[in-house]
Amino acid sequence: MDTMETLMSRNSIPPKLLSEPAPSEDTLQEILDTAVRAPDHGAIQPWRFHIVRGGARAQLAEIFVEALLKRVPDAPEAAITKERNRTRFAPVVIVACAKVTTDHPTVPIIEQIVSTGAAIQNIMNAAHAKGFGSFLSTGKNASDPHVKQAFNLTEEDEIVGFVYLGTPKPGLSAKPRPDVKEFCSEWTGPISAAAAE
């Protein structure tokens, strides 16, 4: 698969539609190696990737349940079950975090988070190129202090996303994509509010 084919054919595959086999250790390392090729202003290297697999997936799910019950002590059983099942299907979960430098003189926090997002995109494209599926999730768990604590993150640090990896189940179809022209315009000067609408 060439580069353009990889970029144009990648789809997000929901975790329930991902299964074993997971990428081999060598393949996973190769996928992760692409992450540190992301743009990184100031060479801060904010990315941290926590690989969760095997029994650790159930541990992460229990942390999700604990976080839910801290937020909503009387959460219904269905919501608890949903959290407990989040990590059940995909054989690998990568928790992609940004260890934020708050006082850098030229690199704002947003650039460090964007760099981590770019690293995530590299991971997902590389996984696709290797024949695996992926899905990016955030939700309340990404910003929950209890979940962040499990990864030794400070209040300033961010969980940018949970990347689920595995082998796509057969028979999945490509999702429709919008026409990029709907989102592009030639800029020739300041845009008025009326023109923007």
N, C-alpha and C. Protein backbone atom coordinates (compact mmCIF):
# COMPACT_ATOMS: atom_id res chain seq x y z
N MET A 1 0.85 -1.18 0.00
CA MET A 1 0.00 0.00 0.00
C MET A 1 0.90 1.24 0.00
N ASP A 2 0.73 2.12 -1.02
CA ASP A 2 1.56 3.31 -1.03
C ASP A 2 1.00 4.36 -0.08
N THR A 3 1.74 5.44 0.09
CA THR A 3 1.39 6.44 1.11
C THR A 3 0.01 7.03 0.86
N MET A 4 -0.27 7.46 -0.35
CA MET A 4 -1.56 8.09 -0.63
C MET A 4 -2.71 7.10 -0.46
N GLU A 5 -2.51 5.86 -0.86
CA GLU A 5 -3.55 4.85 -0.68
C GLU A 5 -3.83 4.63 0.81
N THR A 6 -2.76 4.62 1.61
CA THR A 6 -2.93 4.48 3.06
C THR A 6 -3.75 5.62 3.62
N LEU A 7 -3.39 6.85 3.25
CA LEU A 7 -4.08 8.02 3.79
C LEU A 7 -5.53 8.08 3.34
N MET A 8 -5.79 7.69 2.08
CA MET A 8 -7.13 7.82 1.53
C MET A 8 -8.06 6.66 1.91
N SER A 9 -7.50 5.55 2.36
CA SER A 9 -8.35 4.39 2.64
C SER A 9 -8.53 4.10 4.13
N ARG A 10 -7.86 4.85 5.01
CA ARG A 10 -7.98 4.58 6.44
C ARG A 10 -9.38 4.93 6.93
N ASN A 11 -9.93 4.08 7.76
CA ASN A 11 -11.21 4.33 8.43
C ASN A 11 -11.05 4.05 9.92
N SER A 12 -11.81 4.74 10.73
CA SER A 12 -11.86 4.39 12.15
C SER A 12 -12.72 3.15 12.31
N ILE A 13 -12.21 2.18 13.05
CA ILE A 13 -12.93 0.92 13.28
C ILE A 13 -13.31 0.87 14.76
N PRO A 14 -14.59 0.89 15.09
CA PRO A 14 -14.99 0.85 16.50
C PRO A 14 -14.38 -0.35 17.22
N PRO A 15 -14.02 -0.17 18.50
CA PRO A 15 -13.37 -1.26 19.25
C PRO A 15 -14.10 -2.59 19.20
N LYS A 16 -15.43 -2.56 19.18
CA LYS A 16 -16.19 -3.82 19.14
C LYS A 16 -15.94 -4.60 17.86
N LEU A 17 -15.41 -3.91 16.84
CA LEU A 17 -15.15 -4.57 15.57
C LEU A 17 -13.66 -4.85 15.37
N LEU A 18 -12.90 -4.74 16.46
CA LEU A 18 -11.48 -5.09 16.45
C LEU A 18 -11.26 -6.33 17.30
N SER A 19 -10.35 -7.19 16.87
CA SER A 19 -10.11 -8.41 17.62
C SER A 19 -8.66 -8.83 17.45
N GLU A 20 -8.32 -9.97 18.03
CA GLU A 20 -7.01 -10.57 17.81
C GLU A 20 -6.91 -11.02 16.34
N PRO A 21 -5.71 -11.09 15.78
CA PRO A 21 -4.45 -10.85 16.46
C PRO A 21 -4.10 -9.37 16.57
N ALA A 22 -3.37 -9.06 17.62
CA ALA A 22 -2.80 -7.73 17.78
C ALA A 22 -1.53 -7.63 16.94
N PRO A 23 -1.03 -6.43 16.72
CA PRO A 23 0.29 -6.33 16.07
C PRO A 23 1.34 -7.06 16.89
N SER A 24 2.27 -7.71 16.19
CA SER A 24 3.39 -8.35 16.89
C SER A 24 4.22 -7.27 17.59
N GLU A 25 5.11 -7.70 18.46
CA GLU A 25 5.95 -6.74 19.18
C GLU A 25 6.76 -5.88 18.21
N ASP A 26 7.34 -6.51 17.18
CA ASP A 26 8.13 -5.75 16.21
C ASP A 26 7.27 -4.78 15.42
N THR A 27 6.08 -5.23 15.02
CA THR A 27 5.18 -4.36 14.26
C THR A 27 4.69 -3.21 15.10
N LEU A 28 4.35 -3.48 16.36
CA LEU A 28 3.90 -2.41 17.24
C LEU A 28 5.01 -1.38 17.43
N GLN A 29 6.24 -1.85 17.58
CA GLN A 29 7.37 -0.92 17.73
C GLN A 29 7.52 -0.05 16.48
N GLU A 30 7.35 -0.66 15.33
CA GLU A 30 7.44 0.09 14.07
C GLU A 30 6.33 1.12 13.98
N ILE A 31 5.13 0.75 14.38
CA ILE A 31 4.00 1.68 14.40
C ILE A 31 4.29 2.86 15.34
N LEU A 32 4.80 2.55 16.52
CA LEU A 32 5.09 3.59 17.49
C LEU A 32 6.25 4.48 17.06
N ASP A 33 7.18 3.90 16.31
CA ASP A 33 8.29 4.71 15.81
C ASP A 33 7.81 5.86 14.94
N THR A 34 6.66 5.67 14.27
CA THR A 34 6.14 6.76 13.44
C THR A 34 5.62 7.92 14.29
N ALA A 35 5.22 7.61 15.52
CA ALA A 35 4.65 8.65 16.38
C ALA A 35 5.65 9.75 16.70
N VAL A 36 6.90 9.37 16.90
CA VAL A 36 7.90 10.37 17.28
C VAL A 36 8.45 11.11 16.07
N ARG A 37 7.83 10.90 14.89
CA ARG A 37 8.12 11.71 13.71
C ARG A 37 7.14 12.87 13.59
N ALA A 38 6.24 13.02 14.55
CA ALA A 38 5.26 14.11 14.51
C ALA A 38 5.96 15.46 14.64
N PRO A 39 5.37 16.51 14.08
CA PRO A 39 5.92 17.86 14.27
C PRO A 39 6.04 18.16 15.76
N ASP A 40 7.15 18.77 16.15
CA ASP A 40 7.44 18.98 17.58
C ASP A 40 8.24 20.28 17.75
N HIS A 41 7.52 21.39 17.76
CA HIS A 41 8.16 22.71 17.92
C HIS A 41 8.96 22.75 19.22
N GLY A 42 10.22 23.13 19.11
CA GLY A 42 11.07 23.24 20.28
C GLY A 42 11.66 21.93 20.73
N ALA A 43 11.38 20.84 20.00
CA ALA A 43 11.89 19.52 20.37
C ALA A 43 11.59 19.19 21.83
N ILE A 44 10.37 19.50 22.24
CA ILE A 44 9.95 19.27 23.64
C ILE A 44 9.67 17.79 23.90
N GLN A 45 9.27 17.08 22.84
CA GLN A 45 8.91 15.66 22.96
C GLN A 45 7.87 15.43 24.06
N PRO A 46 6.68 16.04 23.90
CA PRO A 46 5.67 15.95 24.95
C PRO A 46 4.95 14.62 25.02
N TRP A 47 5.11 13.78 23.99
CA TRP A 47 4.30 12.57 23.88
C TRP A 47 4.73 11.51 24.90
N ARG A 48 3.73 10.84 25.45
CA ARG A 48 3.94 9.64 26.27
C ARG A 48 2.90 8.62 25.84
N PHE A 49 3.34 7.39 25.56
CA PHE A 49 2.44 6.36 25.06
C PHE A 49 2.46 5.18 26.02
N HIS A 50 1.34 4.94 26.67
CA HIS A 50 1.21 3.81 27.60
C HIS A 50 0.48 2.68 26.87
N ILE A 51 1.17 1.55 26.72
CA ILE A 51 0.62 0.40 26.01
C ILE A 51 -0.13 -0.47 27.01
N VAL A 52 -1.41 -0.67 26.76
CA VAL A 52 -2.26 -1.45 27.67
C VAL A 52 -2.75 -2.68 26.92
N ARG A 53 -2.41 -3.88 27.42
CA ARG A 53 -2.83 -5.12 26.77
C ARG A 53 -2.95 -6.22 27.81
N GLY A 54 -3.43 -7.36 27.38
CA GLY A 54 -3.59 -8.47 28.31
C GLY A 54 -4.50 -8.08 29.48
N GLY A 55 -4.11 -8.57 30.67
CA GLY A 55 -4.91 -8.30 31.86
C GLY A 55 -4.96 -6.84 32.27
N ALA A 56 -4.01 -6.06 31.79
CA ALA A 56 -4.00 -4.63 32.14
C ALA A 56 -5.21 -3.91 31.55
N ARG A 57 -5.79 -4.45 30.50
CA ARG A 57 -7.00 -3.83 29.93
C ARG A 57 -8.14 -3.85 30.94
N ALA A 58 -8.30 -4.96 31.65
CA ALA A 58 -9.35 -5.04 32.67
C ALA A 58 -9.07 -4.08 33.82
N GLN A 59 -7.79 -3.92 34.16
CA GLN A 59 -7.44 -2.96 35.21
C GLN A 59 -7.81 -1.54 34.80
N LEU A 60 -7.52 -1.20 33.53
CA LEU A 60 -7.87 0.13 33.04
C LEU A 60 -9.39 0.32 33.06
N ALA A 61 -10.12 -0.72 32.67
CA ALA A 61 -11.58 -0.63 32.69
C ALA A 61 -12.10 -0.38 34.10
N GLU A 62 -11.49 -1.01 35.10
CA GLU A 62 -11.92 -0.78 36.48
C GLU A 62 -11.62 0.65 36.91
N ILE A 63 -10.54 1.22 36.42
CA ILE A 63 -10.24 2.63 36.71
C ILE A 63 -11.31 3.52 36.08
N PHE A 64 -11.75 3.15 34.88
CA PHE A 64 -12.85 3.90 34.24
C PHE A 64 -14.11 3.82 35.10
N VAL A 65 -14.40 2.63 35.64
CA VAL A 65 -15.57 2.46 36.49
C VAL A 65 -15.44 3.31 37.76
N GLU A 66 -14.27 3.26 38.39
CA GLU A 66 -14.03 4.07 39.60
C GLU A 66 -14.21 5.55 39.30
N ALA A 67 -13.70 5.99 38.16
CA ALA A 67 -13.83 7.40 37.78
C ALA A 67 -15.29 7.77 37.60
N LEU A 68 -16.04 6.90 36.94
CA LEU A 68 -17.47 7.15 36.75
C LEU A 68 -18.17 7.29 38.09
N LEU A 69 -17.88 6.38 39.03
CA LEU A 69 -18.57 6.40 40.32
C LEU A 69 -18.15 7.60 41.17
N LYS A 70 -16.96 8.12 40.94
CA LYS A 70 -16.57 9.37 41.62
C LYS A 70 -17.36 10.55 41.05
N ARG A 71 -17.60 10.52 39.73
CA ARG A 71 -18.36 11.60 39.10
C ARG A 71 -19.85 11.47 39.37
N VAL A 72 -20.33 10.20 39.33
CA VAL A 72 -21.77 9.93 39.45
C VAL A 72 -21.94 8.75 40.41
N PRO A 73 -21.97 9.02 41.72
CA PRO A 73 -22.02 7.91 42.69
C PRO A 73 -23.18 6.95 42.49
N ASP A 74 -24.30 7.43 41.95
CA ASP A 74 -25.45 6.55 41.74
C ASP A 74 -25.62 6.19 40.26
N ALA A 75 -24.50 6.06 39.58
CA ALA A 75 -24.55 5.72 38.14
C ALA A 75 -25.32 4.43 37.93
N PRO A 76 -26.15 4.38 36.89
CA PRO A 76 -26.91 3.14 36.64
C PRO A 76 -25.99 2.00 36.22
N GLU A 77 -26.46 0.80 36.42
CA GLU A 77 -25.66 -0.39 36.12
C GLU A 77 -25.25 -0.44 34.65
N ALA A 78 -26.13 0.05 33.78
CA ALA A 78 -25.80 0.04 32.34
C ALA A 78 -24.58 0.91 32.05
N ALA A 79 -24.46 2.04 32.74
CA ALA A 79 -23.31 2.93 32.53
C ALA A 79 -22.03 2.29 33.07
N ILE A 80 -22.15 1.60 34.19
CA ILE A 80 -20.99 0.89 34.77
C ILE A 80 -20.52 -0.21 33.82
N THR A 81 -21.48 -0.97 33.30
CA THR A 81 -21.14 -2.04 32.36
C THR A 81 -20.48 -1.48 31.11
N LYS A 82 -20.95 -0.35 30.64
CA LYS A 82 -20.35 0.28 29.45
C LYS A 82 -18.88 0.62 29.69
N GLU A 83 -18.58 1.18 30.87
CA GLU A 83 -17.18 1.50 31.19
C GLU A 83 -16.34 0.23 31.32
N ARG A 84 -16.93 -0.78 31.92
CA ARG A 84 -16.20 -2.04 32.13
C ARG A 84 -15.89 -2.73 30.80
N ASN A 85 -16.70 -2.48 29.79
CA ASN A 85 -16.51 -3.13 28.50
C ASN A 85 -15.66 -2.32 27.53
N ARG A 86 -15.28 -1.10 27.90
CA ARG A 86 -14.57 -0.24 26.96
C ARG A 86 -13.29 -0.87 26.42
N THR A 87 -12.57 -1.58 27.26
CA THR A 87 -11.28 -2.12 26.85
C THR A 87 -11.34 -3.62 26.56
N ARG A 88 -12.53 -4.15 26.46
CA ARG A 88 -12.70 -5.60 26.37
C ARG A 88 -12.37 -6.17 25.00
N PHE A 89 -12.58 -5.40 23.94
CA PHE A 89 -12.56 -5.98 22.59
C PHE A 89 -11.21 -5.82 21.90
N ALA A 90 -10.73 -4.60 21.74
CA ALA A 90 -9.46 -4.39 21.04
C ALA A 90 -8.32 -4.97 21.87
N PRO A 91 -7.41 -5.70 21.25
CA PRO A 91 -6.33 -6.34 22.02
C PRO A 91 -5.28 -5.37 22.56
N VAL A 92 -5.20 -4.18 21.99
CA VAL A 92 -4.22 -3.18 22.45
C VAL A 92 -4.90 -1.83 22.59
N VAL A 93 -4.63 -1.17 23.70
CA VAL A 93 -5.07 0.21 23.90
C VAL A 93 -3.81 1.04 24.17
N ILE A 94 -3.63 2.09 23.40
CA ILE A 94 -2.52 3.01 23.63
C ILE A 94 -3.10 4.28 24.24
N VAL A 95 -2.67 4.59 25.45
CA VAL A 95 -3.10 5.83 26.09
C VAL A 95 -2.06 6.89 25.73
N ALA A 96 -2.46 7.81 24.87
CA ALA A 96 -1.54 8.83 24.35
C ALA A 96 -1.69 10.10 25.17
N CYS A 97 -0.62 10.48 25.83
CA CYS A 97 -0.65 11.61 26.76
C CYS A 97 0.32 12.70 26.31
N ALA A 98 0.03 13.92 26.73
CA ALA A 98 0.95 15.04 26.54
C ALA A 98 1.45 15.46 27.92
N LYS A 99 2.75 15.28 28.16
CA LYS A 99 3.38 15.82 29.37
C LYS A 99 3.72 17.28 29.06
N VAL A 100 2.94 18.16 29.62
CA VAL A 100 2.93 19.56 29.21
C VAL A 100 4.01 20.37 29.93
N THR A 101 4.73 21.15 29.14
CA THR A 101 5.65 22.15 29.69
C THR A 101 4.90 23.47 29.71
N THR A 102 4.61 23.98 30.91
CA THR A 102 3.73 25.15 31.03
C THR A 102 4.47 26.47 30.89
N ASP A 103 5.78 26.45 31.06
CA ASP A 103 6.52 27.72 31.10
C ASP A 103 7.53 27.87 29.96
N HIS A 104 7.30 27.17 28.86
CA HIS A 104 8.24 27.29 27.74
C HIS A 104 8.10 28.68 27.11
N PRO A 105 9.21 29.35 26.82
CA PRO A 105 9.12 30.73 26.35
C PRO A 105 8.53 30.89 24.95
N THR A 106 8.60 29.85 24.11
CA THR A 106 8.13 30.02 22.73
C THR A 106 7.13 28.97 22.27
N VAL A 107 6.92 27.91 23.06
CA VAL A 107 6.02 26.84 22.63
C VAL A 107 4.81 26.78 23.56
N PRO A 108 3.66 27.26 23.11
CA PRO A 108 2.48 27.23 23.97
C PRO A 108 1.97 25.80 24.17
N ILE A 109 1.14 25.65 25.18
CA ILE A 109 0.60 24.33 25.51
C ILE A 109 -0.15 23.72 24.33
N ILE A 110 -0.91 24.55 23.61
CA ILE A 110 -1.70 24.01 22.51
C ILE A 110 -0.82 23.31 21.48
N GLU A 111 0.39 23.83 21.23
CA GLU A 111 1.27 23.19 20.25
C GLU A 111 1.74 21.82 20.75
N GLN A 112 1.90 21.68 22.04
CA GLN A 112 2.34 20.40 22.59
C GLN A 112 1.22 19.36 22.48
N ILE A 113 -0.01 19.81 22.67
CA ILE A 113 -1.15 18.91 22.54
C ILE A 113 -1.38 18.55 21.07
N VAL A 114 -1.24 19.55 20.18
CA VAL A 114 -1.38 19.28 18.75
C VAL A 114 -0.30 18.30 18.29
N SER A 115 0.91 18.43 18.81
CA SER A 115 1.98 17.50 18.45
C SER A 115 1.61 16.07 18.84
N THR A 116 1.01 15.92 20.00
CA THR A 116 0.59 14.59 20.44
C THR A 116 -0.54 14.07 19.55
N GLY A 117 -1.44 14.97 19.15
CA GLY A 117 -2.50 14.57 18.22
C GLY A 117 -1.93 14.11 16.89
N ALA A 118 -0.89 14.82 16.41
CA ALA A 118 -0.24 14.42 15.16
C ALA A 118 0.43 13.05 15.32
N ALA A 119 1.00 12.82 16.49
CA ALA A 119 1.62 11.51 16.77
C ALA A 119 0.56 10.41 16.73
N ILE A 120 -0.62 10.69 17.28
CA ILE A 120 -1.71 9.72 17.24
C ILE A 120 -2.10 9.42 15.80
N GLN A 121 -2.21 10.46 14.98
CA GLN A 121 -2.57 10.23 13.58
C GLN A 121 -1.53 9.36 12.88
N ASN A 122 -0.26 9.59 13.18
CA ASN A 122 0.79 8.75 12.60
C ASN A 122 0.61 7.29 13.02
N ILE A 123 0.29 7.07 14.29
CA ILE A 123 0.06 5.71 14.79
C ILE A 123 -1.09 5.05 14.02
N MET A 124 -2.18 5.78 13.84
CA MET A 124 -3.36 5.21 13.19
C MET A 124 -3.10 4.92 11.71
N ASN A 125 -2.39 5.82 11.04
CA ASN A 125 -2.06 5.57 9.63
C ASN A 125 -1.08 4.41 9.49
N ALA A 126 -0.09 4.36 10.38
CA ALA A 126 0.89 3.26 10.31
C ALA A 126 0.21 1.92 10.60
N ALA A 127 -0.69 1.90 11.57
CA ALA A 127 -1.43 0.67 11.87
C ALA A 127 -2.21 0.21 10.64
N HIS A 128 -2.87 1.15 9.98
CA HIS A 128 -3.64 0.82 8.78
C HIS A 128 -2.72 0.28 7.68
N ALA A 129 -1.57 0.92 7.50
CA ALA A 129 -0.62 0.47 6.48
C ALA A 129 -0.14 -0.95 6.74
N LYS A 130 -0.14 -1.35 8.02
CA LYS A 130 0.30 -2.69 8.40
C LYS A 130 -0.86 -3.70 8.45
N GLY A 131 -2.06 -3.25 8.07
CA GLY A 131 -3.19 -4.17 8.01
C GLY A 131 -4.03 -4.23 9.26
N PHE A 132 -3.84 -3.29 10.18
CA PHE A 132 -4.60 -3.28 11.43
C PHE A 132 -5.60 -2.11 11.43
N GLY A 133 -6.60 -2.23 12.28
CA GLY A 133 -7.57 -1.18 12.44
C GLY A 133 -7.32 -0.41 13.72
N SER A 134 -7.88 0.80 13.77
CA SER A 134 -7.70 1.62 14.97
C SER A 134 -8.91 2.51 15.18
N PHE A 135 -9.00 3.00 16.40
CA PHE A 135 -10.10 3.89 16.78
C PHE A 135 -9.58 4.83 17.84
N LEU A 136 -9.89 6.12 17.72
CA LEU A 136 -9.47 7.12 18.70
C LEU A 136 -10.68 7.54 19.53
N SER A 137 -10.52 7.48 20.85
CA SER A 137 -11.59 7.85 21.77
C SER A 137 -11.06 8.84 22.81
N THR A 138 -11.93 9.74 23.23
CA THR A 138 -11.57 10.65 24.33
C THR A 138 -12.65 10.52 25.41
N GLY A 139 -13.65 11.37 25.37
CA GLY A 139 -14.73 11.30 26.35
C GLY A 139 -14.27 11.78 27.72
N LYS A 140 -15.13 11.57 28.70
CA LYS A 140 -14.87 12.07 30.06
C LYS A 140 -13.65 11.42 30.70
N ASN A 141 -13.35 10.18 30.30
CA ASN A 141 -12.18 9.51 30.90
C ASN A 141 -10.88 10.23 30.59
N ALA A 142 -10.81 10.88 29.43
CA ALA A 142 -9.57 11.55 29.03
C ALA A 142 -9.23 12.73 29.93
N SER A 143 -10.24 13.36 30.49
CA SER A 143 -9.98 14.53 31.35
C SER A 143 -10.23 14.24 32.83
N ASP A 144 -10.55 13.01 33.16
CA ASP A 144 -10.89 12.68 34.54
C ASP A 144 -9.63 12.61 35.41
N PRO A 145 -9.60 13.32 36.54
CA PRO A 145 -8.41 13.32 37.40
C PRO A 145 -8.03 11.93 37.90
N HIS A 146 -9.02 11.08 38.17
CA HIS A 146 -8.72 9.73 38.67
C HIS A 146 -8.00 8.91 37.60
N VAL A 147 -8.45 9.04 36.35
CA VAL A 147 -7.81 8.31 35.25
C VAL A 147 -6.41 8.88 35.01
N LYS A 148 -6.30 10.21 35.01
CA LYS A 148 -4.99 10.84 34.78
C LYS A 148 -3.99 10.42 35.86
N GLN A 149 -4.46 10.30 37.08
CA GLN A 149 -3.58 9.90 38.19
C GLN A 149 -3.00 8.51 37.95
N ALA A 150 -3.76 7.63 37.32
CA ALA A 150 -3.29 6.27 37.06
C ALA A 150 -2.10 6.25 36.11
N PHE A 151 -1.91 7.35 35.38
CA PHE A 151 -0.79 7.46 34.44
C PHE A 151 0.23 8.51 34.89
N ASN A 152 0.15 8.84 36.18
CA ASN A 152 1.12 9.77 36.79
C ASN A 152 1.14 11.11 36.06
N LEU A 153 -0.04 11.61 35.69
CA LEU A 153 -0.15 12.89 35.02
C LEU A 153 -0.53 13.97 36.01
N THR A 154 -0.01 15.16 35.79
CA THR A 154 -0.37 16.31 36.62
C THR A 154 -1.68 16.90 36.10
N GLU A 155 -2.18 17.89 36.80
CA GLU A 155 -3.40 18.56 36.37
C GLU A 155 -3.22 19.21 35.00
N GLU A 156 -2.00 19.72 34.72
CA GLU A 156 -1.73 20.40 33.46
C GLU A 156 -1.59 19.41 32.29
N ASP A 157 -1.13 18.20 32.58
CA ASP A 157 -0.93 17.21 31.52
C ASP A 157 -2.28 16.78 30.95
N GLU A 158 -2.24 16.22 29.76
CA GLU A 158 -3.48 15.81 29.08
C GLU A 158 -3.40 14.38 28.58
N ILE A 159 -4.50 13.66 28.74
CA ILE A 159 -4.69 12.44 27.96
C ILE A 159 -5.33 12.90 26.66
N VAL A 160 -4.58 12.84 25.57
CA VAL A 160 -5.07 13.35 24.30
C VAL A 160 -6.01 12.33 23.65
N GLY A 161 -5.81 11.06 23.94
CA GLY A 161 -6.73 10.07 23.42
C GLY A 161 -6.36 8.65 23.77
N PHE A 162 -7.36 7.79 23.70
CA PHE A 162 -7.18 6.35 23.85
C PHE A 162 -7.26 5.75 22.44
N VAL A 163 -6.17 5.14 21.99
CA VAL A 163 -6.12 4.56 20.65
C VAL A 163 -6.29 3.04 20.78
N TYR A 164 -7.36 2.53 20.19
CA TYR A 164 -7.64 1.10 20.22
C TYR A 164 -7.10 0.47 18.93
N LEU A 165 -6.33 -0.62 19.07
CA LEU A 165 -5.72 -1.28 17.92
C LEU A 165 -6.08 -2.76 17.89
N GLY A 166 -6.27 -3.29 16.70
CA GLY A 166 -6.51 -4.72 16.54
C GLY A 166 -6.75 -5.05 15.09
N THR A 167 -7.15 -6.26 14.85
CA THR A 167 -7.46 -6.72 13.49
C THR A 167 -8.94 -6.47 13.21
N PRO A 168 -9.25 -5.75 12.13
CA PRO A 168 -10.67 -5.49 11.83
C PRO A 168 -11.42 -6.79 11.50
N LYS A 169 -12.64 -6.88 11.96
CA LYS A 169 -13.47 -8.02 11.59
C LYS A 169 -13.81 -7.92 10.10
N PRO A 170 -13.98 -9.05 9.43
CA PRO A 170 -14.21 -9.02 7.97
C PRO A 170 -15.55 -8.37 7.62
N GLY A 171 -15.60 -7.87 6.39
CA GLY A 171 -16.86 -7.36 5.85
C GLY A 171 -17.15 -5.91 6.16
N LEU A 172 -16.18 -5.17 6.71
CA LEU A 172 -16.42 -3.76 7.02
C LEU A 172 -16.34 -2.93 5.74
N SER A 173 -17.24 -1.98 5.61
CA SER A 173 -17.24 -1.12 4.43
C SER A 173 -16.70 0.25 4.78
N ALA A 174 -16.15 0.90 3.79
CA ALA A 174 -15.61 2.26 3.99
C ALA A 174 -16.75 3.22 4.27
N LYS A 175 -16.50 4.16 5.15
CA LYS A 175 -17.55 5.14 5.46
C LYS A 175 -17.49 6.27 4.44
N PRO A 176 -18.64 6.89 4.17
CA PRO A 176 -18.64 7.99 3.21
C PRO A 176 -17.85 9.18 3.73
N ARG A 177 -17.21 9.87 2.85
CA ARG A 177 -16.40 11.03 3.21
C ARG A 177 -16.96 12.28 2.55
N PRO A 178 -16.85 13.43 3.20
CA PRO A 178 -17.33 14.66 2.58
C PRO A 178 -16.40 15.11 1.46
N ASP A 179 -16.90 15.98 0.62
CA ASP A 179 -16.10 16.59 -0.43
C ASP A 179 -15.23 17.67 0.20
N VAL A 180 -13.92 17.52 0.06
CA VAL A 180 -13.00 18.46 0.71
C VAL A 180 -13.23 19.89 0.25
N LYS A 181 -13.80 20.07 -0.95
CA LYS A 181 -14.04 21.43 -1.45
C LYS A 181 -15.01 22.20 -0.56
N GLU A 182 -15.85 21.47 0.17
CA GLU A 182 -16.79 22.14 1.07
C GLU A 182 -16.09 22.82 2.24
N PHE A 183 -14.83 22.44 2.48
CA PHE A 183 -14.12 22.95 3.64
C PHE A 183 -12.92 23.83 3.26
N CYS A 184 -12.80 24.11 1.96
CA CYS A 184 -11.65 24.87 1.48
C CYS A 184 -12.11 26.14 0.79
N SER A 185 -11.35 27.19 0.95
CA SER A 185 -11.59 28.42 0.21
C SER A 185 -10.26 29.11 -0.04
N GLU A 186 -10.23 29.91 -1.07
CA GLU A 186 -9.03 30.71 -1.38
C GLU A 186 -9.11 31.98 -0.57
N TRP A 187 -8.15 32.21 0.31
CA TRP A 187 -8.15 33.41 1.15
C TRP A 187 -7.44 34.52 0.42
N THR A 188 -8.13 35.66 0.24
CA THR A 188 -7.53 36.80 -0.45
C THR A 188 -7.53 38.06 0.40
N GLY A 189 -7.90 37.93 1.66
CA GLY A 189 -7.94 39.07 2.57
C GLY A 189 -8.91 38.79 3.69
N PRO A 190 -9.00 39.74 4.67
CA PRO A 190 -9.88 39.51 5.82
C PRO A 190 -11.29 39.11 5.43
N ILE A 191 -11.85 38.16 6.19
CA ILE A 191 -13.18 37.63 5.92
C ILE A 191 -14.17 38.30 6.87
N SER A 192 -15.24 38.86 6.31
CA SER A 192 -16.27 39.47 7.14
C SER A 192 -17.15 38.39 7.74
N ALA A 193 -17.84 38.74 8.82
CA ALA A 193 -18.73 37.78 9.47
C ALA A 193 -19.81 37.31 8.52
N ALA A 194 -20.34 38.22 7.70
CA ALA A 194 -21.40 37.86 6.75
C ALA A 194 -20.89 36.89 5.71
N ALA A 195 -19.67 37.13 5.21
CA ALA A 195 -19.10 36.25 4.19
C ALA A 195 -18.81 34.87 4.76
N ALA A 196 -18.44 34.82 6.05
CA ALA A 196 -18.11 33.54 6.69
C ALA A 196 -19.33 32.66 6.80
N GLU A 197 -20.52 33.26 6.89
CA GLU A 197 -21.75 32.49 6.98
C GLU A 197 -22.14 31.97 5.62
